[in-house]
Amino acid sequence: MNWKIKMMEDQTGKVVIITGSNTGIGYHMAYMLASKGAYVVMACRNLEKASDSRKKILKDFPKANIKLYQLDLADLDNIRYFAKKFINENDRLDVLINNAGVMIPPYSKTKNNFELQFGTNHLGHFALTGLLLPLLEKNDNGRIITVSSIAHNPGIIDFNDLNSEKKKYSKWGSYSQSKISNLCFAIELDRRLKAGGFSTISLASHPGYSNTELQRYSILWRILNVFFAISAKKGSEATLFAATNQKATEYIYWGPTGIIEMRGRTGKAKINKKAQDKETAKRLWSISEEMTGIKFLS
């Protein structure tokens, strides 16, 4: 397949939420969707940075329809507040892009005492999706795109120690756990939506090896970015395809398809067998409901 961002169709009339859209691949998603006429909601933790990003988009597209909402995926109360506020102020939602994330930070926890990467990257988006699904269902063919990573491949979901409290903390191990959880969630969500006769579609994507602020905690990776990484704009391509193209519904996981899926044309990405295990996905779903207190499609 040779789909490129410039081939995106007009998105006028669509309402799109993008988490973590003030920087990196999320910013380029917001930029392109706004340029194509979508009403873009930038759901970001840092409103000051988001405001600067919004101004940059409006400089190129003065008539773009972009609104900022504060959203902290490391705080379940804030997620609930965001969802309630958005639903009260908007009568439709066409696309939810679960993009925000943290990558290999020092050990820390969310406001709800979850390990930061698992709590933010997976549990935060799990909760957000559950709260917004009723609004997505009001419109036919709503889409939920959850951004995973090629780092899902070595990922292991340690159900006995999801918050990394019983073993020595591995930044990369916890990141990979969060990314395989993202993919397991997207696949299980798709199963449950179809089984329940819902019109909303769940897909997943990954950005390859993109040069973004996610690598800010690693000096080595910031150096490697200069020589090996693709641009954040290119990294946004697979997610934009999944969010907008009708052909994307033919498969569940999209990303660059070149060497080790680090770069290359957007296409059908490989899914590790662990991410396809139904029993693992069911267990993750049940535990995610318990940890967040949010149940949907049960």
Protein backbone atom coordinates (compact mmCIF):
# COMPACT_ATOMS: atom_id res chain seq x y z
CA MET A 1 0.00 0.00 0.00
CA ASN A 2 1.25 3.46 -0.83
CA TRP A 3 -1.03 5.71 1.25
CA LYS A 4 0.41 9.05 2.28
CA ILE A 5 -0.87 11.80 4.58
CA LYS A 6 -1.50 14.11 1.63
CA MET A 7 -4.05 11.56 0.36
CA MET A 8 -6.33 12.03 3.38
CA GLU A 9 -9.90 12.82 2.41
CA ASP A 10 -11.89 15.82 3.60
CA GLN A 11 -12.86 15.47 7.27
CA THR A 12 -15.37 18.32 7.50
CA GLY A 13 -18.10 17.59 10.05
CA LYS A 14 -16.09 15.06 12.03
CA VAL A 15 -15.28 15.58 15.71
CA VAL A 16 -11.95 14.11 16.76
CA ILE A 17 -10.32 13.87 20.20
CA ILE A 18 -6.55 13.36 20.23
CA THR A 19 -4.87 12.78 23.58
CA GLY A 20 -1.36 14.16 23.93
CA SER A 21 -1.64 16.29 20.81
CA ASN A 22 0.53 19.23 21.83
CA THR A 23 3.75 17.57 20.63
CA GLY A 24 5.21 14.70 18.60
CA ILE A 25 3.02 12.51 16.43
CA GLY A 26 -0.10 13.76 18.22
CA TYR A 27 0.61 17.32 17.13
CA HIS A 28 0.90 16.25 13.50
CA MET A 29 -2.36 14.33 13.77
CA ALA A 30 -4.06 17.47 15.06
CA TYR A 31 -2.41 19.60 12.37
CA MET A 32 -3.47 17.38 9.48
CA LEU A 33 -7.00 16.66 10.70
CA ALA A 34 -7.60 20.36 11.33
CA SER A 35 -6.25 21.18 7.87
CA LYS A 36 -8.84 18.79 6.41
CA GLY A 37 -11.78 20.43 8.17
CA ALA A 38 -12.26 18.26 11.27
CA TYR A 39 -13.21 19.79 14.61
CA VAL A 40 -10.12 18.81 16.57
CA VAL A 41 -10.06 18.53 20.34
CA MET A 42 -6.54 18.66 21.73
CA ALA A 43 -6.80 16.78 25.04
CA CYS A 44 -3.55 17.55 26.83
CA ARG A 45 -2.13 17.62 30.35
CA ASN A 46 -0.21 20.85 29.82
CA LEU A 47 -2.57 23.51 28.47
CA GLU A 48 0.18 26.10 28.07
CA LYS A 49 2.11 23.89 25.65
CA ALA A 50 -1.12 22.87 23.95
CA SER A 51 -2.03 26.52 23.46
CA ASP A 52 1.30 27.20 21.74
CA SER A 53 0.72 24.20 19.46
CA ARG A 54 -2.80 25.34 18.64
CA LYS A 55 -1.47 28.78 17.66
CA LYS A 56 1.03 27.16 15.29
CA ILE A 57 -1.76 25.26 13.54
CA LEU A 58 -3.99 28.33 13.33
CA LYS A 59 -1.14 30.32 11.83
CA ASP A 60 -1.21 27.97 8.82
CA PHE A 61 -4.97 27.36 8.87
CA PRO A 62 -6.71 30.41 10.38
CA LYS A 63 -10.18 28.93 9.90
CA ALA A 64 -9.33 25.63 11.59
CA ASN A 65 -11.70 24.54 14.35
CA ILE A 66 -9.53 23.51 17.31
CA LYS A 67 -10.39 23.48 20.99
CA LEU A 68 -8.24 22.72 24.02
CA TYR A 69 -9.33 20.54 26.94
CA GLN A 70 -7.19 19.74 29.95
CA LEU A 71 -6.75 15.99 30.42
CA ASP A 72 -4.39 14.21 32.79
CA LEU A 73 -4.43 10.49 32.06
CA ALA A 74 -2.56 9.83 35.29
CA ASP A 75 -5.57 11.00 37.32
CA LEU A 76 -8.85 9.08 37.14
CA ASP A 77 -10.83 11.95 38.69
CA ASN A 78 -9.51 14.28 36.00
CA ILE A 79 -10.41 11.76 33.28
CA ARG A 80 -13.96 11.59 34.60
CA TYR A 81 -14.16 15.39 34.75
CA PHE A 82 -12.86 15.68 31.17
CA ALA A 83 -15.36 13.15 29.84
CA LYS A 84 -18.29 14.75 31.64
CA LYS A 85 -17.31 18.23 30.45
CA PHE A 86 -16.83 17.08 26.85
CA ILE A 87 -20.14 15.20 26.74
CA ASN A 88 -21.98 18.18 28.22
CA GLU A 89 -20.49 20.55 25.64
CA ASN A 90 -20.59 18.37 22.52
CA ASP A 91 -23.36 16.32 20.94
CA ARG A 92 -21.15 14.04 18.87
CA LEU A 93 -17.79 12.30 18.68
CA ASP A 94 -16.56 10.53 15.58
CA VAL A 95 -12.98 9.55 16.39
CA LEU A 96 -11.08 9.03 19.63
CA ILE A 97 -7.31 8.72 19.21
CA ASN A 98 -5.67 7.29 22.33
CA ASN A 99 -2.21 8.66 21.62
CA ALA A 100 -0.74 10.21 24.77
CA GLY A 101 1.90 8.35 26.69
CA VAL A 102 5.04 8.37 28.78
CA MET A 103 8.17 6.41 27.93
CA ILE A 104 10.90 5.11 30.26
CA PRO A 105 10.70 7.74 33.02
CA PRO A 106 12.22 7.17 36.45
CA TYR A 107 9.98 5.08 38.69
CA SER A 108 6.93 7.03 39.76
CA LYS A 109 3.21 6.57 40.25
CA THR A 110 -0.01 8.14 39.07
CA LYS A 111 -2.34 9.99 41.40
CA ASN A 112 -4.19 6.70 41.87
CA ASN A 113 -1.02 4.87 42.90
CA PHE A 114 -0.48 2.98 39.63
CA GLU A 115 2.97 2.63 38.06
CA LEU A 116 3.17 5.69 35.81
CA GLN A 117 3.58 4.02 32.40
CA PHE A 118 0.97 1.29 32.85
CA GLY A 119 -1.35 3.70 34.65
CA THR A 120 -1.12 6.43 32.01
CA ASN A 121 -0.60 4.59 28.75
CA HIS A 122 -3.10 1.79 29.35
CA LEU A 123 -5.39 2.39 32.34
CA GLY A 124 -5.92 6.07 31.58
CA HIS A 125 -6.98 5.34 28.02
CA PHE A 126 -9.07 2.35 29.10
CA ALA A 127 -11.05 4.62 31.44
CA LEU A 128 -11.35 7.42 28.90
CA THR A 129 -12.63 5.07 26.21
CA GLY A 130 -15.25 3.59 28.49
CA LEU A 131 -16.56 6.99 29.47
CA LEU A 132 -16.73 8.32 25.89
CA LEU A 133 -18.09 5.20 24.17
CA PRO A 134 -21.78 6.19 24.62
CA LEU A 135 -21.14 9.43 22.72
CA LEU A 136 -19.22 7.62 19.98
CA GLU A 137 -22.17 5.26 19.60
CA LYS A 138 -24.55 8.13 18.86
CA ASN A 139 -23.00 8.37 15.42
CA ASP A 140 -22.60 5.53 12.94
CA ASN A 141 -19.10 4.25 12.28
CA GLY A 142 -17.29 5.90 15.17
CA ARG A 143 -13.67 4.90 15.55
CA ILE A 144 -11.31 4.37 18.46
CA ILE A 145 -7.62 4.27 17.56
CA THR A 146 -5.23 3.14 20.30
CA VAL A 147 -1.57 3.83 19.64
CA SER A 148 0.71 0.93 20.55
CA SER A 149 4.37 0.42 19.61
CA ILE A 150 6.85 -2.06 18.15
CA ALA A 151 7.93 -2.22 21.81
CA HIS A 152 4.86 -4.39 22.42
CA ASN A 153 6.81 -7.35 21.01
CA PRO A 154 8.99 -8.02 24.08
CA GLY A 155 6.17 -6.95 26.38
CA ILE A 156 4.94 -9.23 29.15
CA ILE A 157 1.88 -8.40 31.25
CA ASP A 158 2.90 -9.30 34.79
CA PHE A 159 -0.49 -9.78 36.40
CA ASN A 160 1.18 -10.48 39.75
CA ASP A 161 3.01 -7.15 39.74
CA LEU A 162 1.41 -4.68 37.34
CA ASN A 163 2.67 -1.72 39.36
CA SER A 164 6.27 -2.98 39.58
CA GLU A 165 6.25 -3.02 43.37
CA LYS A 166 7.62 -6.54 43.95
CA LYS A 167 10.65 -6.52 41.65
CA LYS A 168 13.46 -4.20 40.62
CA TYR A 169 11.98 -1.53 38.39
CA SER A 170 12.66 -1.91 34.67
CA LYS A 171 11.79 1.23 32.73
CA TRP A 172 11.78 -0.63 29.43
CA GLY A 173 9.95 -3.63 30.85
CA SER A 174 7.18 -1.42 32.18
CA TYR A 175 6.97 0.53 28.93
CA SER A 176 6.68 -2.68 26.90
CA GLN A 177 4.04 -3.95 29.32
CA SER A 178 2.00 -0.79 28.75
CA LYS A 179 2.31 -1.06 24.97
CA ILE A 180 1.28 -4.72 24.73
CA SER A 181 -1.59 -3.78 27.04
CA ASN A 182 -2.60 -1.05 24.55
CA LEU A 183 -2.73 -3.58 21.74
CA CYS A 184 -4.49 -6.27 23.80
CA PHE A 185 -7.07 -3.68 24.80
CA ALA A 186 -7.68 -2.51 21.23
CA ILE A 187 -8.17 -6.09 20.01
CA GLU A 188 -10.40 -7.12 22.92
CA LEU A 189 -12.42 -3.91 22.56
CA ASP A 190 -12.99 -4.76 18.91
CA ARG A 191 -14.19 -8.25 19.86
CA ARG A 192 -16.64 -6.89 22.42
CA LEU A 193 -17.96 -4.14 20.18
CA LYS A 194 -18.70 -6.65 17.42
CA ALA A 195 -20.21 -9.17 19.81
CA GLY A 196 -22.49 -6.49 21.22
CA GLY A 197 -23.66 -5.26 17.83
CA PHE A 198 -22.11 -1.82 18.27
CA SER A 199 -21.29 0.37 15.27
CA THR A 200 -18.10 1.80 16.76
CA ILE A 201 -14.85 0.26 15.50
CA SER A 202 -11.67 -0.33 17.50
CA LEU A 203 -8.32 -0.20 15.69
CA ALA A 204 -4.69 0.15 16.72
CA SER A 205 -1.58 1.70 15.21
CA HIS A 206 2.07 2.30 15.88
CA PRO A 207 4.45 5.08 14.74
CA GLY A 208 7.56 3.02 13.99
CA TYR A 209 10.71 4.58 15.37
CA SER A 210 9.74 8.25 15.42
CA ASN A 211 11.75 11.20 16.66
CA THR A 212 9.59 12.63 19.45
CA GLU A 213 9.83 13.97 22.98
CA LEU A 214 8.95 10.50 24.29
CA GLN A 215 12.68 9.71 24.28
CA ARG A 216 13.55 12.70 26.47
CA TYR A 217 14.49 10.45 29.41
CA SER A 218 17.24 8.67 27.44
CA ILE A 219 20.40 10.43 26.21
CA LEU A 220 21.27 7.40 24.07
CA TRP A 221 17.92 7.36 22.29
CA ARG A 222 18.05 11.11 21.68
CA ILE A 223 21.38 10.56 19.92
CA LEU A 224 20.06 7.59 17.95
CA ASN A 225 17.08 9.69 16.87
CA VAL A 226 19.37 11.90 14.80
CA PHE A 227 20.61 8.98 12.72
CA PHE A 228 17.80 6.43 12.60
CA ALA A 229 14.41 7.88 13.51
CA ILE A 230 11.74 8.95 11.07
CA SER A 231 10.06 12.32 11.53
CA ALA A 232 7.13 12.73 13.90
CA LYS A 233 5.01 13.71 10.90
CA LYS A 234 5.82 10.43 9.15
CA GLY A 235 5.22 8.62 12.44
CA SER A 236 1.67 9.99 12.57
CA GLU A 237 0.78 8.53 9.18
CA ALA A 238 -0.44 5.07 10.24
CA THR A 239 -2.71 6.50 12.93
CA LEU A 240 -4.18 9.05 10.52
CA PHE A 241 -4.82 6.26 8.02
CA ALA A 242 -6.56 4.17 10.69
CA ALA A 243 -8.62 7.16 11.79
CA THR A 244 -9.81 8.31 8.38
CA ASN A 245 -9.57 5.71 5.63
CA GLN A 246 -12.34 3.22 4.90
CA LYS A 247 -9.84 0.50 3.97
CA ALA A 248 -8.40 0.67 7.47
CA THR A 249 -11.40 -1.27 8.77
CA GLU A 250 -10.16 -4.36 6.90
CA TYR A 251 -7.43 -4.95 9.51
CA ILE A 252 -6.91 -3.97 13.13
CA TYR A 253 -3.26 -2.86 13.47
CA TRP A 254 -1.47 -0.41 11.18
CA GLY A 255 2.07 0.92 11.08
CA PRO A 256 5.26 1.31 9.06
CA THR A 257 6.11 -2.00 7.35
CA GLY A 258 9.80 -1.62 6.52
CA ILE A 259 12.75 -3.17 8.37
CA ILE A 260 11.68 -4.25 11.87
CA GLU A 261 8.68 -1.93 11.27
CA MET A 262 10.82 1.05 12.32
CA ARG A 263 10.07 2.91 9.09
CA GLY A 264 8.55 2.37 5.67
CA ARG A 265 5.15 2.46 4.02
CA THR A 266 2.00 2.28 6.09
CA GLY A 267 0.51 -1.18 6.02
CA LYS A 268 -0.66 -4.14 8.06
CA ALA A 269 1.58 -4.31 11.12
CA LYS A 270 2.59 -7.57 12.78
CA ILE A 271 0.86 -8.54 16.00
CA ASN A 272 2.81 -10.56 18.55
CA LYS A 273 1.03 -13.80 19.50
CA LYS A 274 0.95 -12.71 23.14
CA ALA A 275 -1.16 -9.70 22.17
CA GLN A 276 -3.64 -11.97 20.42
CA ASP A 277 -4.20 -14.31 23.37
CA LYS A 278 -7.88 -14.09 24.27
CA GLU A 279 -7.49 -15.27 27.85
CA THR A 280 -4.79 -12.68 28.51
CA ALA A 281 -7.00 -9.97 27.01
CA LYS A 282 -10.01 -11.01 29.10
CA ARG A 283 -7.92 -11.01 32.26
CA LEU A 284 -6.44 -7.61 31.44
CA TRP A 285 -9.92 -6.23 30.78
CA SER A 286 -11.27 -7.51 34.10
CA ILE A 287 -8.31 -6.16 36.08
CA SER A 288 -8.51 -2.82 34.27
CA GLU A 289 -12.16 -2.53 35.30
CA GLU A 290 -11.23 -3.25 38.90
CA MET A 291 -8.33 -0.80 38.94
CA THR A 292 -10.20 2.07 37.28
CA GLY A 293 -13.69 1.41 38.65
CA ILE A 294 -15.05 1.82 35.12
CA LYS A 295 -16.98 -1.04 33.52
CA PHE A 296 -18.20 -1.15 29.93
CA LEU A 297 -19.05 -3.82 27.38
CA SER A 298 -18.91 -6.47 30.11
